[in-house]
PDB file of N, CA and C in Angstrom:
ATOM      1  N   MET A   1     -10.799 -16.624  -7.950  1.00  0.00           N
ATOM      2  CA  MET A   1      -9.470 -16.818  -7.385  1.00  0.00           C
ATOM      3  C   MET A   1      -9.185 -15.665  -6.437  1.00  0.00           C
ATOM      4  N   LEU A   2      -8.934 -15.974  -5.190  1.00  0.00           N
ATOM      5  CA  LEU A   2      -8.544 -14.961  -4.214  1.00  0.00           C
ATOM      6  C   LEU A   2      -7.037 -14.770  -4.295  1.00  0.00           C
ATOM      7  N   ILE A   3      -6.607 -13.529  -4.381  1.00  0.00           N
ATOM      8  CA  ILE A   3      -5.174 -13.219  -4.401  1.00  0.00           C
ATOM      9  C   ILE A   3      -4.941 -12.139  -3.362  1.00  0.00           C
ATOM     10  N   ALA A   4      -4.027 -12.422  -2.433  1.00  0.00           N
ATOM     11  CA  ALA A   4      -3.765 -11.477  -1.345  1.00  0.00           C
ATOM     12  C   ALA A   4      -2.264 -11.315  -1.124  1.00  0.00           C
ATOM     13  N   THR A   5      -1.882 -10.133  -0.698  1.00  0.00           N
ATOM     14  CA  THR A   5      -0.483  -9.895  -0.352  1.00  0.00           C
ATOM     15  C   THR A   5      -0.178 -10.349   1.078  1.00  0.00           C
ATOM     16  N   THR A   6      -1.214 -10.664   1.822  1.00  0.00           N
ATOM     17  CA  THR A   6      -1.048 -11.134   3.201  1.00  0.00           C
ATOM     18  C   THR A   6      -0.740 -12.625   3.218  1.00  0.00           C
ATOM     19  N   ASN A   7      -0.324 -13.123   4.385  1.00  0.00           N
ATOM     20  CA  ASN A   7       0.007 -14.541   4.524  1.00  0.00           C
ATOM     21  C   ASN A   7      -1.200 -15.398   4.870  1.00  0.00           C
ATOM     22  N   ASP A   8      -2.324 -14.767   5.130  1.00  0.00           N
ATOM     23  CA  ASP A   8      -3.552 -15.495   5.414  1.00  0.00           C
ATOM     24  C   ASP A   8      -4.722 -14.729   4.817  1.00  0.00           C
ATOM     25  N   LEU A   9      -5.885 -15.339   4.851  1.00  0.00           N
ATOM     26  CA  LEU A   9      -7.093 -14.716   4.322  1.00  0.00           C
ATOM     27  C   LEU A   9      -8.142 -14.705   5.428  1.00  0.00           C
ATOM     28  N   PRO A  10      -8.422 -13.551   6.019  1.00  0.00           N
ATOM     29  CA  PRO A  10      -9.438 -13.490   7.068  1.00  0.00           C
ATOM     30  C   PRO A  10     -10.760 -14.083   6.567  1.00  0.00           C
ATOM     31  N   GLY A  11     -11.353 -14.930   7.394  1.00  0.00           N
ATOM     32  CA  GLY A  11     -12.605 -15.574   7.031  1.00  0.00           C
ATOM     33  C   GLY A  11     -12.418 -16.889   6.294  1.00  0.00           C
ATOM     34  N   TYR A  12     -11.163 -17.279   6.052  1.00  0.00           N
ATOM     35  CA  TYR A  12     -10.873 -18.531   5.354  1.00  0.00           C
ATOM     36  C   TYR A  12      -9.818 -19.310   6.123  1.00  0.00           C
ATOM     37  N   GLU A  13      -9.886 -20.611   5.985  1.00  0.00           N
ATOM     38  CA  GLU A  13      -8.867 -21.485   6.550  1.00  0.00           C
ATOM     39  C   GLU A  13      -8.054 -22.079   5.405  1.00  0.00           C
ATOM     40  N   ILE A  14      -6.743 -22.040   5.536  1.00  0.00           N
ATOM     41  CA  ILE A  14      -5.880 -22.669   4.537  1.00  0.00           C
ATOM     42  C   ILE A  14      -5.872 -24.163   4.820  1.00  0.00           C
ATOM     43  N   GLU A  15      -6.407 -24.941   3.878  1.00  0.00           N
ATOM     44  CA  GLU A  15      -6.459 -26.397   4.021  1.00  0.00           C
ATOM     45  C   GLU A  15      -5.190 -27.068   3.535  1.00  0.00           C
ATOM     46  N   GLU A  16      -4.601 -26.491   2.480  1.00  0.00           N
ATOM     47  CA  GLU A  16      -3.408 -27.108   1.905  1.00  0.00           C
ATOM     48  C   GLU A  16      -2.554 -26.051   1.214  1.00  0.00           C
ATOM     49  N   VAL A  17      -1.252 -26.139   1.427  1.00  0.00           N
ATOM     50  CA  VAL A  17      -0.290 -25.283   0.739  1.00  0.00           C
ATOM     51  C   VAL A  17       0.216 -26.074  -0.466  1.00  0.00           C
ATOM     52  N   LEU A  18       0.095 -25.481  -1.645  1.00  0.00           N
ATOM     53  CA  LEU A  18       0.403 -26.187  -2.887  1.00  0.00           C
ATOM     54  C   LEU A  18       1.722 -25.775  -3.528  1.00  0.00           C
ATOM     55  N   GLY A  19       2.342 -24.735  -3.008  1.00  0.00           N
ATOM     56  CA  GLY A  19       3.656 -24.347  -3.503  1.00  0.00           C
ATOM     57  C   GLY A  19       3.677 -23.010  -4.217  1.00  0.00           C
ATOM     58  N   GLU A  20       4.886 -22.600  -4.577  1.00  0.00           N
ATOM     59  CA  GLU A  20       5.099 -21.311  -5.231  1.00  0.00           C
ATOM     60  C   GLU A  20       4.581 -21.340  -6.664  1.00  0.00           C
ATOM     61  N   VAL A  21       3.937 -20.242  -7.041  1.00  0.00           N
ATOM     62  CA  VAL A  21       3.464 -20.065  -8.407  1.00  0.00           C
ATOM     63  C   VAL A  21       3.849 -18.671  -8.866  1.00  0.00           C
ATOM     64  N   PHE A  22       3.900 -18.493 -10.182  1.00  0.00           N
ATOM     65  CA  PHE A  22       4.215 -17.167 -10.699  1.00  0.00           C
ATOM     66  C   PHE A  22       3.561 -16.952 -12.047  1.00  0.00           C
ATOM     67  N   GLY A  23       3.427 -15.700 -12.396  1.00  0.00           N
ATOM     68  CA  GLY A  23       3.007 -15.279 -13.726  1.00  0.00           C
ATOM     69  C   GLY A  23       4.063 -14.312 -14.224  1.00  0.00           C
ATOM     70  N   LEU A  24       4.430 -14.412 -15.478  1.00  0.00           N
ATOM     71  CA  LEU A  24       5.566 -13.661 -15.991  1.00  0.00           C
ATOM     72  C   LEU A  24       5.272 -13.131 -17.388  1.00  0.00           C
ATOM     73  N   THR A  25       5.776 -11.943 -17.663  1.00  0.00           N
ATOM     74  CA  THR A  25       5.769 -11.419 -19.027  1.00  0.00           C
ATOM     75  C   THR A  25       7.027 -10.580 -19.223  1.00  0.00           C
ATOM     76  N   VAL A  26       7.489 -10.527 -20.436  1.00  0.00           N
ATOM     77  CA  VAL A  26       8.600  -9.652 -20.806  1.00  0.00           C
ATOM     78  C   VAL A  26       8.085  -8.750 -21.910  1.00  0.00           C
ATOM     79  N   ARG A  27       8.198  -7.462 -21.701  1.00  0.00           N
ATOM     80  CA  ARG A  27       7.677  -6.487 -22.657  1.00  0.00           C
ATOM     81  C   ARG A  27       8.819  -5.649 -23.206  1.00  0.00           C
ATOM     82  N   SER A  28       8.666  -5.259 -24.459  1.00  0.00           N
ATOM     83  CA  SER A  28       9.609  -4.308 -25.042  1.00  0.00           C
ATOM     84  C   SER A  28       8.867  -3.001 -25.262  1.00  0.00           C
ATOM     85  N   ARG A  29       9.586  -1.926 -25.135  1.00  0.00           N
ATOM     86  CA  ARG A  29       8.996  -0.607 -25.380  1.00  0.00           C
ATOM     87  C   ARG A  29       9.251  -0.235 -26.825  1.00  0.00           C
ATOM     88  N   ASN A  30       8.249   0.372 -27.462  1.00  0.00           N
ATOM     89  CA  ASN A  30       8.454   0.757 -28.854  1.00  0.00           C
ATOM     90  C   ASN A  30       9.248   2.059 -28.943  1.00  0.00           C
ATOM     91  N   ALA A  31       9.792   2.319 -30.107  1.00  0.00           N
ATOM     92  CA  ALA A  31      10.665   3.480 -30.309  1.00  0.00           C
ATOM     93  C   ALA A  31       9.940   4.789 -30.033  1.00  0.00           C
ATOM     94  N   ALA A  32       8.681   4.903 -30.450  1.00  0.00           N
ATOM     95  CA  ALA A  32       7.924   6.142 -30.211  1.00  0.00           C
ATOM     96  C   ALA A  32       7.713   6.375 -28.723  1.00  0.00           C
ATOM     97  N   SER A  33       7.437   5.290 -28.005  1.00  0.00           N
ATOM     98  CA  SER A  33       7.253   5.398 -26.557  1.00  0.00           C
ATOM     99  C   SER A  33       8.548   5.832 -25.883  1.00  0.00           C
ATOM    100  N   GLN A  34       9.665   5.263 -26.338  1.00  0.00           N
ATOM    101  CA  GLN A  34      10.972   5.635 -25.790  1.00  0.00           C
ATOM    102  C   GLN A  34      11.272   7.109 -26.034  1.00  0.00           C
ATOM    103  N   LEU A  35      10.993   7.576 -27.244  1.00  0.00           N
ATOM    104  CA  LEU A  35      11.239   8.969 -27.588  1.00  0.00           C
ATOM    105  C   LEU A  35      10.373   9.890 -26.735  1.00  0.00           C
ATOM    106  N   GLY A  36       9.090   9.544 -26.636  1.00  0.00           N
ATOM    107  CA  GLY A  36       8.168  10.340 -25.816  1.00  0.00           C
ATOM    108  C   GLY A  36       8.588  10.365 -24.359  1.00  0.00           C
ATOM    109  N   ALA A  37       9.045   9.228 -23.848  1.00  0.00           N
ATOM    110  CA  ALA A  37       9.492   9.159 -22.458  1.00  0.00           C
ATOM    111  C   ALA A  37      10.731  10.018 -22.250  1.00  0.00           C
ATOM    112  N   GLY A  38      11.633  10.002 -23.233  1.00  0.00           N
ATOM    113  CA  GLY A  38      12.840  10.820 -23.133  1.00  0.00           C
ATOM    114  C   GLY A  38      12.516  12.302 -23.100  1.00  0.00           C
ATOM    115  N   LEU A  39      11.605  12.735 -23.953  1.00  0.00           N
ATOM    116  CA  LEU A  39      11.197  14.141 -23.972  1.00  0.00           C
ATOM    117  C   LEU A  39      10.467  14.520 -22.682  1.00  0.00           C
ATOM    118  N   LYS A  40       9.607  13.624 -22.202  1.00  0.00           N
ATOM    119  CA  LYS A  40       8.849  13.897 -20.980  1.00  0.00           C
ATOM    120  C   LYS A  40       9.792  13.987 -19.776  1.00  0.00           C
ATOM    121  N   ALA A  41      10.868  13.222 -19.802  1.00  0.00           N
ATOM    122  CA  ALA A  41      11.823  13.254 -18.703  1.00  0.00           C
ATOM    123  C   ALA A  41      12.468  14.624 -18.568  1.00  0.00           C
ATOM    124  N   ILE A  42      12.588  15.326 -19.678  1.00  0.00           N
ATOM    125  CA  ILE A  42      13.192  16.665 -19.650  1.00  0.00           C
ATOM    126  C   ILE A  42      12.272  17.661 -18.960  1.00  0.00           C
ATOM    127  N   VAL A  43      10.975  17.594 -19.266  1.00  0.00           N
ATOM    128  CA  VAL A  43      10.032  18.572 -18.711  1.00  0.00           C
ATOM    129  C   VAL A  43       9.314  18.076 -17.469  1.00  0.00           C
ATOM    130  N   GLY A  44       9.352  16.770 -17.200  1.00  0.00           N
ATOM    131  CA  GLY A  44       8.707  16.213 -16.023  1.00  0.00           C
ATOM    132  C   GLY A  44       7.264  15.827 -16.294  1.00  0.00           C
ATOM    133  N   GLY A  45       6.704  15.035 -15.405  1.00  0.00           N
ATOM    134  CA  GLY A  45       5.317  14.612 -15.517  1.00  0.00           C
ATOM    135  C   GLY A  45       5.180  13.118 -15.725  1.00  0.00           C
ATOM    136  N   GLU A  46       3.932  12.677 -15.694  1.00  0.00           N
ATOM    137  CA  GLU A  46       3.641  11.255 -15.834  1.00  0.00           C
ATOM    138  C   GLU A  46       3.868  10.784 -17.261  1.00  0.00           C
ATOM    139  N   LEU A  47       4.394   9.596 -17.397  1.00  0.00           N
ATOM    140  CA  LEU A  47       4.565   8.946 -18.691  1.00  0.00           C
ATOM    141  C   LEU A  47       3.343   8.055 -18.897  1.00  0.00           C
ATOM    142  N   LYS A  48       2.264   8.631 -19.425  1.00  0.00           N
ATOM    143  CA  LYS A  48       0.979   7.937 -19.490  1.00  0.00           C
ATOM    144  C   LYS A  48       1.026   6.656 -20.308  1.00  0.00           C
ATOM    145  N   GLY A  49       1.755   6.650 -21.415  1.00  0.00           N
ATOM    146  CA  GLY A  49       1.883   5.434 -22.212  1.00  0.00           C
ATOM    147  C   GLY A  49       2.553   4.321 -21.430  1.00  0.00           C
ATOM    148  N   MET A  50       3.599   4.680 -20.697  1.00  0.00           N
ATOM    149  CA  MET A  50       4.316   3.697 -19.882  1.00  0.00           C
ATOM    150  C   MET A  50       3.419   3.200 -18.754  1.00  0.00           C
ATOM    151  N   THR A  51       2.650   4.101 -18.147  1.00  0.00           N
ATOM    152  CA  THR A  51       1.747   3.722 -17.067  1.00  0.00           C
ATOM    153  C   THR A  51       0.707   2.722 -17.563  1.00  0.00           C
ATOM    154  N   LYS A  52       0.108   2.991 -18.727  1.00  0.00           N
ATOM    155  CA  LYS A  52      -0.886   2.072 -19.291  1.00  0.00           C
ATOM    156  C   LYS A  52      -0.261   0.713 -19.596  1.00  0.00           C
ATOM    157  N   ASN A  53       0.954   0.721 -20.117  1.00  0.00           N
ATOM    158  CA  ASN A  53       1.657  -0.527 -20.426  1.00  0.00           C
ATOM    159  C   ASN A  53       1.912  -1.326 -19.148  1.00  0.00           C
ATOM    160  N   LEU A  54       2.334  -0.653 -18.089  1.00  0.00           N
ATOM    161  CA  LEU A  54       2.600  -1.348 -16.830  1.00  0.00           C
ATOM    162  C   LEU A  54       1.306  -1.892 -16.230  1.00  0.00           C
ATOM    163  N   GLU A  55       0.219  -1.120 -16.296  1.00  0.00           N
ATOM    164  CA  GLU A  55      -1.075  -1.607 -15.790  1.00  0.00           C
ATOM    165  C   GLU A  55      -1.513  -2.856 -16.555  1.00  0.00           C
ATOM    166  N   ALA A  56      -1.391  -2.839 -17.870  1.00  0.00           N
ATOM    167  CA  ALA A  56      -1.763  -3.991 -18.689  1.00  0.00           C
ATOM    168  C   ALA A  56      -0.870  -5.196 -18.373  1.00  0.00           C
ATOM    169  N   SER A  57       0.409  -4.939 -18.182  1.00  0.00           N
ATOM    170  CA  SER A  57       1.351  -6.017 -17.876  1.00  0.00           C
ATOM    171  C   SER A  57       1.037  -6.649 -16.528  1.00  0.00           C
ATOM    172  N   ARG A  58       0.722  -5.829 -15.532  1.00  0.00           N
ATOM    173  CA  ARG A  58       0.391  -6.371 -14.207  1.00  0.00           C
ATOM    174  C   ARG A  58      -0.890  -7.196 -14.262  1.00  0.00           C
ATOM    175  N   ALA A  59      -1.886  -6.745 -15.013  1.00  0.00           N
ATOM    176  CA  ALA A  59      -3.123  -7.515 -15.152  1.00  0.00           C
ATOM    177  C   ALA A  59      -2.827  -8.862 -15.817  1.00  0.00           C
ATOM    178  N   GLU A  60      -1.961  -8.836 -16.825  1.00  0.00           N
ATOM    179  CA  GLU A  60      -1.597 -10.063 -17.530  1.00  0.00           C
ATOM    180  C   GLU A  60      -0.899 -11.058 -16.607  1.00  0.00           C
ATOM    181  N   VAL A  61       0.057 -10.588 -15.818  1.00  0.00           N
ATOM    182  CA  VAL A  61       0.782 -11.521 -14.946  1.00  0.00           C
ATOM    183  C   VAL A  61      -0.106 -12.020 -13.813  1.00  0.00           C
ATOM    184  N   LEU A  62      -1.059 -11.214 -13.359  1.00  0.00           N
ATOM    185  CA  LEU A  62      -2.002 -11.696 -12.348  1.00  0.00           C
ATOM    186  C   LEU A  62      -2.883 -12.805 -12.913  1.00  0.00           C
ATOM    187  N   ASP A  63      -3.320 -12.651 -14.160  1.00  0.00           N
ATOM    188  CA  ASP A  63      -4.100 -13.716 -14.805  1.00  0.00           C
ATOM    189  C   ASP A  63      -3.271 -14.995 -14.914  1.00  0.00           C
ATOM    190  N   ARG A  64      -2.020 -14.858 -15.287  1.00  0.00           N
ATOM    191  CA  ARG A  64      -1.145 -16.024 -15.408  1.00  0.00           C
ATOM    192  C   ARG A  64      -0.864 -16.654 -14.045  1.00  0.00           C
ATOM    193  N   LEU A  65      -0.730 -15.824 -13.021  1.00  0.00           N
ATOM    194  CA  LEU A  65      -0.544 -16.320 -11.652  1.00  0.00           C
ATOM    195  C   LEU A  65      -1.762 -17.135 -11.229  1.00  0.00           C
ATOM    196  N   ALA A  66      -2.954 -16.596 -11.463  1.00  0.00           N
ATOM    197  CA  ALA A  66      -4.187 -17.305 -11.101  1.00  0.00           C
ATOM    198  C   ALA A  66      -4.296 -18.622 -11.861  1.00  0.00           C
ATOM    199  N   ASP A  67      -3.953 -18.626 -13.143  1.00  0.00           N
ATOM    200  CA  ASP A  67      -3.984 -19.859 -13.934  1.00  0.00           C
ATOM    201  C   ASP A  67      -3.013 -20.897 -13.362  1.00  0.00           C
ATOM    202  N   ALA A  68      -1.831 -20.456 -12.963  1.00  0.00           N
ATOM    203  CA  ALA A  68      -0.832 -21.372 -12.401  1.00  0.00           C
ATOM    204  C   ALA A  68      -1.324 -21.965 -11.082  1.00  0.00           C
ATOM    205  N   ALA A  69      -1.942 -21.131 -10.241  1.00  0.00           N
ATOM    206  CA  ALA A  69      -2.463 -21.623  -8.963  1.00  0.00           C
ATOM    207  C   ALA A  69      -3.594 -22.617  -9.191  1.00  0.00           C
ATOM    208  N   GLN A  70      -4.479 -22.299 -10.127  1.00  0.00           N
ATOM    209  CA  GLN A  70      -5.582 -23.199 -10.442  1.00  0.00           C
ATOM    210  C   GLN A  70      -5.050 -24.517 -11.017  1.00  0.00           C
ATOM    211  N   GLY A  71      -3.998 -24.431 -11.801  1.00  0.00           N
ATOM    212  CA  GLY A  71      -3.377 -25.628 -12.359  1.00  0.00           C
ATOM    213  C   GLY A  71      -2.824 -26.569 -11.304  1.00  0.00           C
ATOM    214  N   ARG A  72      -2.501 -26.027 -10.152  1.00  0.00           N
ATOM    215  CA  ARG A  72      -2.017 -26.853  -9.039  1.00  0.00           C
ATOM    216  C   ARG A  72      -3.147 -27.290  -8.116  1.00  0.00           C
ATOM    217  N   GLY A  73      -4.364 -26.885  -8.455  1.00  0.00           N
ATOM    218  CA  GLY A  73      -5.509 -27.263  -7.628  1.00  0.00           C
ATOM    219  C   GLY A  73      -5.869 -26.233  -6.580  1.00  0.00           C
ATOM    220  N   GLY A  74      -5.302 -25.038  -6.672  1.00  0.00           N
ATOM    221  CA  GLY A  74      -5.562 -23.999  -5.685  1.00  0.00           C
ATOM    222  C   GLY A  74      -6.758 -23.137  -6.041  1.00  0.00           C
ATOM    223  N   ASN A  75      -7.278 -22.485  -5.026  1.00  0.00           N
ATOM    224  CA  ASN A  75      -8.349 -21.509  -5.236  1.00  0.00           C
ATOM    225  C   ASN A  75      -7.988 -20.152  -4.646  1.00  0.00           C
ATOM    226  N   ALA A  76      -6.705 -20.002  -4.258  1.00  0.00           N
ATOM    227  CA  ALA A  76      -6.232 -18.738  -3.712  1.00  0.00           C
ATOM    228  C   ALA A  76      -4.709 -18.672  -3.811  1.00  0.00           C
ATOM    229  N   VAL A  77      -4.199 -17.447  -3.746  1.00  0.00           N
ATOM    230  CA  VAL A  77      -2.752 -17.206  -3.673  1.00  0.00           C
ATOM    231  C   VAL A  77      -2.526 -16.261  -2.515  1.00  0.00           C
ATOM    232  N   VAL A  78      -1.611 -16.618  -1.630  1.00  0.00           N
ATOM    233  CA  VAL A  78      -1.236 -15.742  -0.519  1.00  0.00           C
ATOM    234  C   VAL A  78       0.196 -15.278  -0.699  1.00  0.00           C
ATOM    235  N   ALA A  79       0.550 -14.219   0.011  1.00  0.00           N
ATOM    236  CA  ALA A  79       1.903 -13.644  -0.022  1.00  0.00           C
ATOM    237  C   ALA A  79       2.305 -13.230  -1.438  1.00  0.00           C
ATOM    238  N   MET A  80       1.344 -12.707  -2.217  1.00  0.00           N
ATOM    239  CA  MET A  80       1.617 -12.291  -3.594  1.00  0.00           C
ATOM    240  C   MET A  80       2.481 -11.035  -3.596  1.00  0.00           C
ATOM    241  N   ARG A  81       3.421 -11.013  -4.509  1.00  0.00           N
ATOM    242  CA  ARG A  81       4.296  -9.863  -4.708  1.00  0.00           C
ATOM    243  C   ARG A  81       4.493  -9.640  -6.202  1.00  0.00           C
ATOM    244  N   PHE A  82       4.826  -8.396  -6.544  1.00  0.00           N
ATOM    245  CA  PHE A  82       5.239  -8.067  -7.903  1.00  0.00           C
ATOM    246  C   PHE A  82       6.740  -7.834  -7.896  1.00  0.00           C
ATOM    247  N   ASP A  83       7.374  -8.179  -8.991  1.00  0.00           N
ATOM    248  CA  ASP A  83       8.789  -7.872  -9.181  1.00  0.00           C
ATOM    249  C   ASP A  83       8.942  -7.388 -10.614  1.00  0.00           C
ATOM    250  N   THR A  84       9.663  -6.309 -10.788  1.00  0.00           N
ATOM    251  CA  THR A  84       9.902  -5.746 -12.110  1.00  0.00           C
ATOM    252  C   THR A  84      11.391  -5.503 -12.268  1.00  0.00           C
ATOM    253  N   SER A  85      11.928  -5.881 -13.407  1.00  0.00           N
ATOM    254  CA  SER A  85      13.349  -5.628 -13.647  1.00  0.00           C
ATOM    255  C   SER A  85      13.579  -5.307 -15.113  1.00  0.00           C
ATOM    256  N   GLU A  86      14.608  -4.537 -15.358  1.00  0.00           N
ATOM    257  CA  GLU A  86      15.009  -4.179 -16.723  1.00  0.00           C
ATOM    258  C   GLU A  86      15.898  -5.276 -17.269  1.00  0.00           C
ATOM    259  N   MET A  87      15.670  -5.611 -18.521  1.00  0.00           N
ATOM    260  CA  MET A  87      16.503  -6.592 -19.212  1.00  0.00           C
ATOM    261  C   MET A  87      17.025  -5.904 -20.463  1.00  0.00           C
ATOM    262  N   GLY A  88      18.271  -5.550 -20.461  1.00  0.00           N
ATOM    263  CA  GLY A  88      18.816  -4.806 -21.591  1.00  0.00           C
ATOM    264  C   GLY A  88      18.302  -3.376 -21.579  1.00  0.00           C
ATOM    265  N   GLN A  89      18.321  -2.736 -22.722  1.00  0.00           N
ATOM    266  CA  GLN A  89      17.941  -1.325 -22.814  1.00  0.00           C
ATOM    267  C   GLN A  89      16.437  -1.106 -22.975  1.00  0.00           C
ATOM    268  N   VAL A  90      15.736  -2.072 -23.561  1.00  0.00           N
ATOM    269  CA  VAL A  90      14.326  -1.822 -23.892  1.00  0.00           C
ATOM    270  C   VAL A  90      13.367  -2.910 -23.427  1.00  0.00           C
ATOM    271  N   TRP A  91      13.825  -3.909 -22.705  1.00  0.00           N
ATOM    272  CA  TRP A  91      12.951  -4.976 -22.238  1.00  0.00           C
ATOM    273  C   TRP A  91      12.708  -4.823 -20.756  1.00  0.00           C
ATOM    274  N   THR A  92      11.480  -5.092 -20.354  1.00  0.00           N
ATOM    275  CA  THR A  92      11.114  -5.074 -18.945  1.00  0.00           C
ATOM    276  C   THR A  92      10.425  -6.387 -18.607  1.00  0.00           C
ATOM    277  N   GLU A  93      10.881  -7.019 -17.550  1.00  0.00           N
ATOM    278  CA  GLU A  93      10.261  -8.242 -17.055  1.00  0.00           C
ATOM    279  C   GLU A  93       9.333  -7.859 -15.906  1.00  0.00           C
ATOM    280  N   ILE A  94       8.104  -8.349 -15.944  1.00  0.00           N
ATOM    281  CA  ILE A  94       7.152  -8.142 -14.857  1.00  0.00           C
ATOM    282  C   ILE A  94       6.736  -9.517 -14.379  1.00  0.00           C
ATOM    283  N   CYS A  95       6.837  -9.745 -13.078  1.00  0.00           N
ATOM    284  CA  CYS A  95       6.531 -11.042 -12.492  1.00  0.00           C
ATOM    285  C   CYS A  95       5.627 -10.843 -11.281  1.00  0.00           C
ATOM    286  N   ALA A  96       4.598 -11.681 -11.162  1.00  0.00           N
ATOM    287  CA  ALA A  96       3.791 -11.763  -9.952  1.00  0.00           C
ATOM    288  C   ALA A  96       4.029 -13.163  -9.399  1.00  0.00           C
ATOM    289  N   TYR A  97       4.304 -13.264  -8.113  1.00  0.00           N
ATOM    290  CA  TYR A  97       4.554 -14.574  -7.529  1.00  0.00           C
ATOM    291  C   TYR A  97       3.941 -14.653  -6.142  1.00  0.00           C
ATOM    292  N   GLY A  98       3.709 -15.856  -5.713  1.00  0.00           N
ATOM    293  CA  GLY A  98       3.113 -16.080  -4.397  1.00  0.00           C
ATOM    294  C   GLY A  98       3.003 -17.569  -4.134  1.00  0.00           C
ATOM    295  N   THR A  99       2.223 -17.903  -3.117  1.00  0.00           N
ATOM    296  CA  THR A  99       2.029 -19.292  -2.716  1.00  0.00           C
ATOM    297  C   THR A  99       0.608 -19.718  -3.019  1.00  0.00           C
ATOM    298  N   ALA A 100       0.473 -20.748  -3.840  1.00  0.00           N
ATOM    299  CA  ALA A 100      -0.851 -21.302  -4.150  1.00  0.00           C
ATOM    300  C   ALA A 100      -1.333 -22.108  -2.958  1.00  0.00           C
ATOM    301  N   VAL A 101      -2.592 -21.905  -2.609  1.00  0.00           N
ATOM    302  CA  VAL A 101      -3.196 -22.624  -1.491  1.00  0.00           C
ATOM    303  C   VAL A 101      -4.619 -23.026  -1.857  1.00  0.00           C
ATOM    304  N   ARG A 102      -5.128 -24.000  -1.114  1.00  0.00           N
ATOM    305  CA  ARG A 102      -6.550 -24.330  -1.190  1.00  0.00           C
ATOM    306  C   ARG A 102      -7.158 -23.874   0.128  1.00  0.00           C
ATOM    307  N   VAL A 103      -8.181 -23.041   0.029  1.00  0.00           N
ATOM    308  CA  VAL A 103      -8.824 -22.498   1.238  1.00  0.00           C
ATOM    309  C   VAL A 103     -10.298 -22.880   1.263  1.00  0.00           C
ATOM    310  N   ARG A 104     -10.877 -22.781   2.455  1.00  0.00           N
ATOM    311  CA  ARG A 104     -12.320 -22.936   2.598  1.00  0.00           C
ATOM    312  C   ARG A 104     -12.804 -21.867   3.566  1.00  0.00           C
ATOM    313  N   PRO A 105     -14.033 -21.397   3.346  1.00  0.00           N
ATOM    314  CA  PRO A 105     -14.581 -20.380   4.258  1.00  0.00           C
ATOM    315  C   PRO A 105     -14.738 -20.939   5.663  1.00  0.00           C
ATOM    316  N   LEU A 106     -14.483 -20.118   6.665  1.00  0.00           N
ATOM    317  CA  LEU A 106     -14.729 -20.512   8.059  1.00  0.00           C
ATOM    318  C   LEU A 106     -16.230 -20.527   8.294  1.00  0.00           C
ATOM    319  N   ARG A 107     -16.672 -21.383   9.119  1.00  0.00           N
ATOM    320  CA  ARG A 107     -18.110 -21.472   9.405  1.00  0.00           C
ATOM    321  C   ARG A 107     -18.459 -20.822  10.711  1.00  0.00           C
TER     322      ARG A 107
END
């Protein structure tokens, strides 16, 4: 599955636009992670636990995005974007969205 943030794929022709697709997850942070993040905020620096969680979440939503595109008959997604938002005090929504397309290599 080709996934690109661009509106086209160099070397490929878009044969058919299949519509918007997305992959979504909602994650909660555990109490220990929250406490560690609060302490780290005082002294500064990277929140490694949070970074790993976000990396895992993005990989998960990309897999779900690819599954959604394949479910529509696509073999690529163009104009992919990530969106992240807070839901309440401890929930985070991570979404990847784009346009499912069917492409073929240029000859």
